[in-house]
Amino acid sequence: MKTAISVPDQLFHQAEKLAHRTGKSRSQIYQEALAEYLLRRDPGAVTEAMDQALAEIDQVSETWLSQAGRQALERSEW
């Protein structure tokens, strides 16, 4: 969605410099800034994001752990 906003000149120039330095578009800079602003003001969103990240880490570690256990069992004599 497109929208028009007004920002002070100094803030605009800082955003322009950041966009140029990072190789991002001005729109991307504003999108990331707004997303971060909203996230900081919604404690539930922070918890949800952390829970999601931990769940993804758990899946990776469970996969690794399963593979390591399987390999250990394959090398064992029964």
Protein backbone atom coordinates (compact mmCIF):
# COMPACT_ATOMS: atom_id res chain seq x y z
CA MET A 1 0.00 0.00 0.00
CA LYS A 2 1.27 3.43 -0.82
CA THR A 3 0.94 6.28 1.62
CA ALA A 4 2.27 9.80 1.95
CA ILE A 5 3.87 11.06 5.14
CA SER A 6 5.67 14.20 6.23
CA VAL A 7 9.02 14.00 8.00
CA PRO A 8 11.43 16.72 9.07
CA ASP A 9 14.19 17.45 6.56
CA GLN A 10 16.96 16.26 8.87
CA LEU A 11 15.23 12.90 9.44
CA PHE A 12 14.65 12.51 5.71
CA HIS A 13 18.33 13.13 4.96
CA GLN A 14 19.41 10.65 7.63
CA ALA A 15 17.11 8.03 6.12
CA GLU A 16 18.50 8.78 2.65
CA LYS A 17 22.07 8.32 3.89
CA LEU A 18 21.17 5.04 5.58
CA ALA A 19 19.42 3.76 2.46
CA HIS A 20 22.42 4.62 0.33
CA ARG A 21 24.91 3.12 2.80
CA THR A 22 22.98 -0.14 3.17
CA GLY A 23 21.92 -0.46 -0.47
CA LYS A 24 18.25 -0.48 0.50
CA SER A 25 15.40 1.51 -0.95
CA ARG A 26 13.94 4.42 0.97
CA SER A 27 10.67 2.48 1.22
CA GLN A 28 12.46 -0.47 2.77
CA ILE A 29 14.12 1.79 5.35
CA TYR A 30 10.75 3.26 6.35
CA GLN A 31 9.10 -0.19 6.43
CA GLU A 32 11.80 -1.60 8.70
CA ALA A 33 11.69 1.45 10.95
CA LEU A 34 7.91 1.27 11.33
CA ALA A 35 7.99 -2.49 11.95
CA GLU A 36 10.63 -2.05 14.67
CA TYR A 37 8.70 0.84 16.22
CA LEU A 38 5.52 -1.23 16.39
CA LEU A 39 7.33 -4.28 17.73
CA ARG A 40 8.89 -2.26 20.56
CA ARG A 41 5.48 -1.05 21.66
CA ASP A 42 3.76 -4.46 21.64
CA PRO A 43 5.26 -6.67 24.37
CA GLY A 44 3.15 -9.61 23.22
CA ALA A 45 4.71 -9.42 19.76
CA VAL A 46 8.21 -9.58 21.24
CA THR A 47 7.30 -12.68 23.23
CA GLU A 48 5.67 -14.26 20.19
CA ALA A 49 8.73 -13.56 18.03
CA MET A 50 11.02 -15.04 20.67
CA ASP A 51 8.80 -18.13 21.03
CA GLN A 52 8.83 -18.63 17.27
CA ALA A 53 12.62 -18.27 17.08
CA LEU A 54 13.09 -20.75 19.93
CA ALA A 55 10.70 -23.22 18.30
CA GLU A 56 12.74 -23.04 15.09
CA ILE A 57 15.97 -23.59 17.02
CA ASP A 58 14.42 -26.56 18.83
CA GLN A 59 13.44 -28.13 15.49
CA VAL A 60 16.98 -27.81 14.20
CA SER A 61 18.52 -29.21 17.38
CA GLU A 62 15.99 -32.07 17.52
CA THR A 63 16.82 -33.03 13.94
CA TRP A 64 20.53 -32.96 14.68
CA LEU A 65 20.04 -34.88 17.91
CA SER A 66 17.95 -37.54 16.18
CA GLN A 67 20.56 -37.99 13.47
CA ALA A 68 23.40 -38.19 15.99
CA GLY A 69 21.50 -40.74 18.06
CA ARG A 70 20.70 -42.85 15.02
CA GLN A 71 24.35 -42.86 13.95
CA ALA A 72 25.47 -43.85 17.45
CA LEU A 73 22.99 -46.74 17.50
CA GLU A 74 24.09 -47.92 14.06
CA ARG A 75 27.68 -48.18 15.32
CA SER A 76 26.66 -50.07 18.47
CA GLU A 77 26.53 -53.85 18.80
CA TRP A 78 23.23 -55.23 19.99
